[in-house]
Amino acid sequence: MDFNTRAEHFMDAYGNAILRLAYSYVHNMEDAEDVLQDTLIRVLQADPEFESEAHEKAYLLKTAANLAKNKIEYNKRRETDELNEELVSQEKEDLSFVWEAVKKLPDTSREVIHLFYEEGYQTAQIAEILGRNESTVRSDLKRGRERLKEILKEEYDFE
């Protein structure tokens, strides 16, 4: 496959998944789109050989997760009043109340919840993608669910 064909394939097959994962980290569509673009560029430049479609998707999502974490660190280093105003003015009404609660979770819980519920990965696959033990992923998922329940109960009077 030539460069453009590979780029189109990655975008068509995984663009939405990468964008959702990136957004789950950065909470900003512009930054999430940057992560998507950077992910595609990195993977196209590296031109790795994939064993299967599952390996291909996992590779792209892991790359996106790492780039999203880098974007968060970059934003923290250059945080200004202008950036704070931009974050405050985001259109929060478009987001569901559950997503608002998920955003309040620690990174480790948020990423496993996203990969488990949104992407449909099993805990063993998530462990491989994130480079963690499967038992750690299960613990993060359990803690994330418990914390999510607390957040929803506190803020939205859920039982």
C-alpha atoms as a PDB file:
ATOM      1  CA  MET A   1       0.000   0.000   0.000  1.00  0.00           C
ATOM      2  CA  ASP A   2       1.292   3.455  -0.807  1.00  0.00           C
ATOM      3  CA  PHE A   3       1.479   6.306   1.723  1.00  0.00           C
ATOM      4  CA  ASN A   4      -1.861   7.953   0.824  1.00  0.00           C
ATOM      5  CA  THR A   5      -3.725   4.658   0.724  1.00  0.00           C
ATOM      6  CA  ARG A   6      -2.374   3.707   4.163  1.00  0.00           C
ATOM      7  CA  ALA A   7      -3.305   7.124   5.547  1.00  0.00           C
ATOM      8  CA  GLU A   8      -6.865   6.788   4.225  1.00  0.00           C
ATOM      9  CA  HIS A   9      -7.122   3.238   5.579  1.00  0.00           C
ATOM     10  CA  PHE A  10      -5.995   4.274   9.075  1.00  0.00           C
ATOM     11  CA  MET A  11      -8.301   7.279   9.095  1.00  0.00           C
ATOM     12  CA  ASP A  12     -11.339   5.344   7.852  1.00  0.00           C
ATOM     13  CA  ALA A  13     -10.769   2.326  10.061  1.00  0.00           C
ATOM     14  CA  TYR A  14      -9.560   3.955  13.290  1.00  0.00           C
ATOM     15  CA  GLY A  15     -10.015   7.730  13.049  1.00  0.00           C
ATOM     16  CA  ASN A  16     -13.089   7.888  15.275  1.00  0.00           C
ATOM     17  CA  ALA A  17     -11.651   5.519  17.876  1.00  0.00           C
ATOM     18  CA  ILE A  18      -8.401   7.495  18.039  1.00  0.00           C
ATOM     19  CA  LEU A  19     -10.283  10.794  18.296  1.00  0.00           C
ATOM     20  CA  ARG A  20     -12.519   9.511  21.112  1.00  0.00           C
ATOM     21  CA  LEU A  21      -9.550   8.115  23.026  1.00  0.00           C
ATOM     22  CA  ALA A  22      -7.590  11.356  22.594  1.00  0.00           C
ATOM     23  CA  TYR A  23     -10.589  13.390  23.746  1.00  0.00           C
ATOM     24  CA  SER A  24     -10.926  11.215  26.825  1.00  0.00           C
ATOM     25  CA  TYR A  25      -7.457  12.414  27.817  1.00  0.00           C
ATOM     26  CA  VAL A  26      -7.321  16.043  26.707  1.00  0.00           C
ATOM     27  CA  HIS A  27     -11.009  17.085  27.054  1.00  0.00           C
ATOM     28  CA  ASN A  28     -10.641  19.475  24.154  1.00  0.00           C
ATOM     29  CA  MET A  29     -11.659  18.691  20.569  1.00  0.00           C
ATOM     30  CA  GLU A  30      -8.921  20.820  19.015  1.00  0.00           C
ATOM     31  CA  ASP A  31      -6.206  19.030  20.996  1.00  0.00           C
ATOM     32  CA  ALA A  32      -7.845  15.662  20.307  1.00  0.00           C
ATOM     33  CA  GLU A  33      -7.754  16.394  16.579  1.00  0.00           C
ATOM     34  CA  ASP A  34      -4.074  17.316  16.902  1.00  0.00           C
ATOM     35  CA  VAL A  35      -3.418  13.992  18.631  1.00  0.00           C
ATOM     36  CA  LEU A  36      -5.269  12.163  15.840  1.00  0.00           C
ATOM     37  CA  GLN A  37      -3.184  13.891  13.193  1.00  0.00           C
ATOM     38  CA  ASP A  38       0.077  13.331  15.081  1.00  0.00           C
ATOM     39  CA  THR A  39      -0.817   9.658  15.592  1.00  0.00           C
ATOM     40  CA  LEU A  40      -1.360   9.116  11.889  1.00  0.00           C
ATOM     41  CA  ILE A  41       1.872  10.919  11.020  1.00  0.00           C
ATOM     42  CA  ARG A  42       3.896   8.913  13.557  1.00  0.00           C
ATOM     43  CA  VAL A  43       2.509   5.581  12.410  1.00  0.00           C
ATOM     44  CA  LEU A  44       2.958   6.410   8.742  1.00  0.00           C
ATOM     45  CA  GLN A  45       6.548   7.500   9.344  1.00  0.00           C
ATOM     46  CA  ALA A  46       7.357   4.402  11.416  1.00  0.00           C
ATOM     47  CA  ASP A  47       5.686   2.147   8.808  1.00  0.00           C
ATOM     48  CA  PRO A  48       5.481  -0.869  11.155  1.00  0.00           C
ATOM     49  CA  GLU A  49       4.436  -4.330  10.052  1.00  0.00           C
ATOM     50  CA  PHE A  50       1.238  -5.494  11.742  1.00  0.00           C
ATOM     51  CA  GLU A  51       0.413  -9.089  12.608  1.00  0.00           C
ATOM     52  CA  SER A  52      -3.352  -8.522  12.386  1.00  0.00           C
ATOM     53  CA  GLU A  53      -6.042  -5.852  12.382  1.00  0.00           C
ATOM     54  CA  ALA A  54      -6.234  -6.132  16.174  1.00  0.00           C
ATOM     55  CA  HIS A  55      -2.493  -5.491  16.442  1.00  0.00           C
ATOM     56  CA  GLU A  56      -2.823  -2.559  14.043  1.00  0.00           C
ATOM     57  CA  LYS A  57      -5.641  -0.981  16.080  1.00  0.00           C
ATOM     58  CA  ALA A  58      -3.870  -1.578  19.388  1.00  0.00           C
ATOM     59  CA  TYR A  59      -0.676   0.005  18.019  1.00  0.00           C
ATOM     60  CA  LEU A  60      -2.553   3.082  16.820  1.00  0.00           C
ATOM     61  CA  LEU A  61      -4.467   3.471  20.104  1.00  0.00           C
ATOM     62  CA  LYS A  62      -1.331   3.062  22.202  1.00  0.00           C
ATOM     63  CA  THR A  63       0.429   5.666  20.063  1.00  0.00           C
ATOM     64  CA  ALA A  64      -2.549   8.001  20.455  1.00  0.00           C
ATOM     65  CA  ALA A  65      -2.643   7.484  24.233  1.00  0.00           C
ATOM     66  CA  ASN A  66       1.047   8.326  24.539  1.00  0.00           C
ATOM     67  CA  LEU A  67       0.699  11.413  22.348  1.00  0.00           C
ATOM     68  CA  ALA A  68      -2.353  12.545  24.340  1.00  0.00           C
ATOM     69  CA  LYS A  69      -0.365  12.232  27.572  1.00  0.00           C
ATOM     70  CA  ASN A  70       2.411  14.262  25.968  1.00  0.00           C
ATOM     71  CA  LYS A  71      -0.151  16.899  24.923  1.00  0.00           C
ATOM     72  CA  ILE A  72      -1.416  17.132  28.507  1.00  0.00           C
ATOM     73  CA  GLU A  73       2.121  17.673  29.802  1.00  0.00           C
ATOM     74  CA  TYR A  74       2.781  20.243  27.077  1.00  0.00           C
ATOM     75  CA  ASN A  75      -0.415  22.127  27.957  1.00  0.00           C
ATOM     76  CA  LYS A  76       0.462  22.103  31.658  1.00  0.00           C
ATOM     77  CA  ARG A  77       3.868  23.618  30.922  1.00  0.00           C
ATOM     78  CA  ARG A  78       2.447  26.419  28.809  1.00  0.00           C
ATOM     79  CA  GLU A  79      -0.769  26.988  30.726  1.00  0.00           C
ATOM     80  CA  THR A  80      -1.828  30.640  30.621  1.00  0.00           C
ATOM     81  CA  ASP A  81      -4.889  32.702  31.385  1.00  0.00           C
ATOM     82  CA  GLU A  82      -5.848  32.470  27.724  1.00  0.00           C
ATOM     83  CA  LEU A  83      -5.819  28.681  27.876  1.00  0.00           C
ATOM     84  CA  ASN A  84      -7.908  28.709  31.044  1.00  0.00           C
ATOM     85  CA  GLU A  85     -10.503  30.947  29.372  1.00  0.00           C
ATOM     86  CA  GLU A  86     -10.659  28.554  26.413  1.00  0.00           C
ATOM     87  CA  LEU A  87     -11.268  25.582  28.697  1.00  0.00           C
ATOM     88  CA  VAL A  88     -13.993  27.399  30.614  1.00  0.00           C
ATOM     89  CA  SER A  89     -15.776  28.397  27.424  1.00  0.00           C
ATOM     90  CA  GLN A  90     -15.956  24.869  26.015  1.00  0.00           C
ATOM     91  CA  GLU A  91     -19.451  23.785  25.083  1.00  0.00           C
ATOM     92  CA  LYS A  92     -20.149  21.560  28.035  1.00  0.00           C
ATOM     93  CA  GLU A  93     -23.870  21.252  27.313  1.00  0.00           C
ATOM     94  CA  ASP A  94     -23.091  18.970  24.366  1.00  0.00           C
ATOM     95  CA  LEU A  95     -21.524  16.436  26.715  1.00  0.00           C
ATOM     96  CA  SER A  96     -23.587  13.953  28.664  1.00  0.00           C
ATOM     97  CA  PHE A  97     -23.639  14.035  32.435  1.00  0.00           C
ATOM     98  CA  VAL A  98     -21.925  10.661  32.503  1.00  0.00           C
ATOM     99  CA  TRP A  99     -19.035  11.922  30.402  1.00  0.00           C
ATOM    100  CA  GLU A 100     -18.674  14.840  32.795  1.00  0.00           C
ATOM    101  CA  ALA A 101     -18.344  12.344  35.628  1.00  0.00           C
ATOM    102  CA  VAL A 102     -15.886  10.150  33.690  1.00  0.00           C
ATOM    103  CA  LYS A 103     -13.688  13.198  33.047  1.00  0.00           C
ATOM    104  CA  LYS A 104     -13.259  13.577  36.810  1.00  0.00           C
ATOM    105  CA  LEU A 105     -11.695  10.142  37.168  1.00  0.00           C
ATOM    106  CA  PRO A 106      -7.936   9.697  37.438  1.00  0.00           C
ATOM    107  CA  ASP A 107      -6.153   8.979  34.128  1.00  0.00           C
ATOM    108  CA  THR A 108      -5.638   5.292  34.899  1.00  0.00           C
ATOM    109  CA  SER A 109      -9.342   4.701  35.559  1.00  0.00           C
ATOM    110  CA  ARG A 110     -10.533   6.956  32.753  1.00  0.00           C
ATOM    111  CA  GLU A 111      -8.429   5.251  30.085  1.00  0.00           C
ATOM    112  CA  VAL A 112      -9.455   1.703  31.066  1.00  0.00           C
ATOM    113  CA  ILE A 113     -13.126   2.699  31.269  1.00  0.00           C
ATOM    114  CA  HIS A 114     -12.895   4.272  27.816  1.00  0.00           C
ATOM    115  CA  LEU A 115     -11.146   1.270  26.275  1.00  0.00           C
ATOM    116  CA  PHE A 116     -13.491  -1.213  27.979  1.00  0.00           C
ATOM    117  CA  TYR A 117     -16.849   0.467  27.384  1.00  0.00           C
ATOM    118  CA  GLU A 118     -16.292   2.676  24.352  1.00  0.00           C
ATOM    119  CA  GLU A 119     -13.858   0.561  22.346  1.00  0.00           C
ATOM    120  CA  GLY A 120     -15.079  -2.834  23.536  1.00  0.00           C
ATOM    121  CA  TYR A 121     -11.712  -4.262  24.562  1.00  0.00           C
ATOM    122  CA  GLN A 122     -11.429  -7.029  27.142  1.00  0.00           C
ATOM    123  CA  THR A 123      -9.171  -6.500  30.159  1.00  0.00           C
ATOM    124  CA  ALA A 124      -6.397  -8.677  28.685  1.00  0.00           C
ATOM    125  CA  GLN A 125      -6.359  -6.566  25.523  1.00  0.00           C
ATOM    126  CA  ILE A 126      -6.383  -3.333  27.520  1.00  0.00           C
ATOM    127  CA  ALA A 127      -3.444  -4.598  29.571  1.00  0.00           C
ATOM    128  CA  GLU A 128      -1.523  -5.249  26.360  1.00  0.00           C
ATOM    129  CA  ILE A 129      -2.374  -1.836  24.888  1.00  0.00           C
ATOM    130  CA  LEU A 130      -1.402   0.051  28.052  1.00  0.00           C
ATOM    131  CA  GLY A 131       1.545  -2.152  29.001  1.00  0.00           C
ATOM    132  CA  ARG A 132       0.101  -3.094  32.381  1.00  0.00           C
ATOM    133  CA  ASN A 133      -0.727  -6.325  34.167  1.00  0.00           C
ATOM    134  CA  GLU A 134      -4.249  -7.579  33.531  1.00  0.00           C
ATOM    135  CA  SER A 135      -4.931  -7.635  37.278  1.00  0.00           C
ATOM    136  CA  THR A 136      -3.944  -3.950  37.462  1.00  0.00           C
ATOM    137  CA  VAL A 137      -6.354  -3.150  34.632  1.00  0.00           C
ATOM    138  CA  ARG A 138      -9.160  -5.016  36.413  1.00  0.00           C
ATOM    139  CA  SER A 139      -8.389  -3.109  39.632  1.00  0.00           C
ATOM    140  CA  ASP A 140      -8.346   0.230  37.767  1.00  0.00           C
ATOM    141  CA  LEU A 141     -11.655  -0.664  36.128  1.00  0.00           C
ATOM    142  CA  LYS A 142     -13.218  -1.632  39.472  1.00  0.00           C
ATOM    143  CA  ARG A 143     -11.943   1.526  41.203  1.00  0.00           C
ATOM    144  CA  GLY A 144     -13.084   3.633  38.257  1.00  0.00           C
ATOM    145  CA  ARG A 145     -16.593   2.191  38.392  1.00  0.00           C
ATOM    146  CA  GLU A 146     -16.785   2.746  42.156  1.00  0.00           C
ATOM    147  CA  ARG A 147     -15.538   6.315  41.895  1.00  0.00           C
ATOM    148  CA  LEU A 148     -17.885   6.995  38.976  1.00  0.00           C
ATOM    149  CA  LYS A 149     -20.786   5.757  41.085  1.00  0.00           C
ATOM    150  CA  GLU A 150     -19.740   8.131  43.910  1.00  0.00           C
ATOM    151  CA  ILE A 151     -19.437  11.093  41.541  1.00  0.00           C
ATOM    152  CA  LEU A 152     -22.834  10.442  39.983  1.00  0.00           C
ATOM    153  CA  LYS A 153     -24.419   9.986  43.405  1.00  0.00           C
ATOM    154  CA  GLU A 154     -22.866  13.214  44.779  1.00  0.00           C
ATOM    155  CA  GLU A 155     -23.498  15.453  41.790  1.00  0.00           C
ATOM    156  CA  TYR A 156     -26.597  14.027  40.170  1.00  0.00           C
ATOM    157  CA  ASP A 157     -28.399  12.344  43.092  1.00  0.00           C
ATOM    158  CA  PHE A 158     -28.111   8.888  41.519  1.00  0.00           C
ATOM    159  CA  GLU A 159     -28.603   5.878  43.727  1.00  0.00           C
END
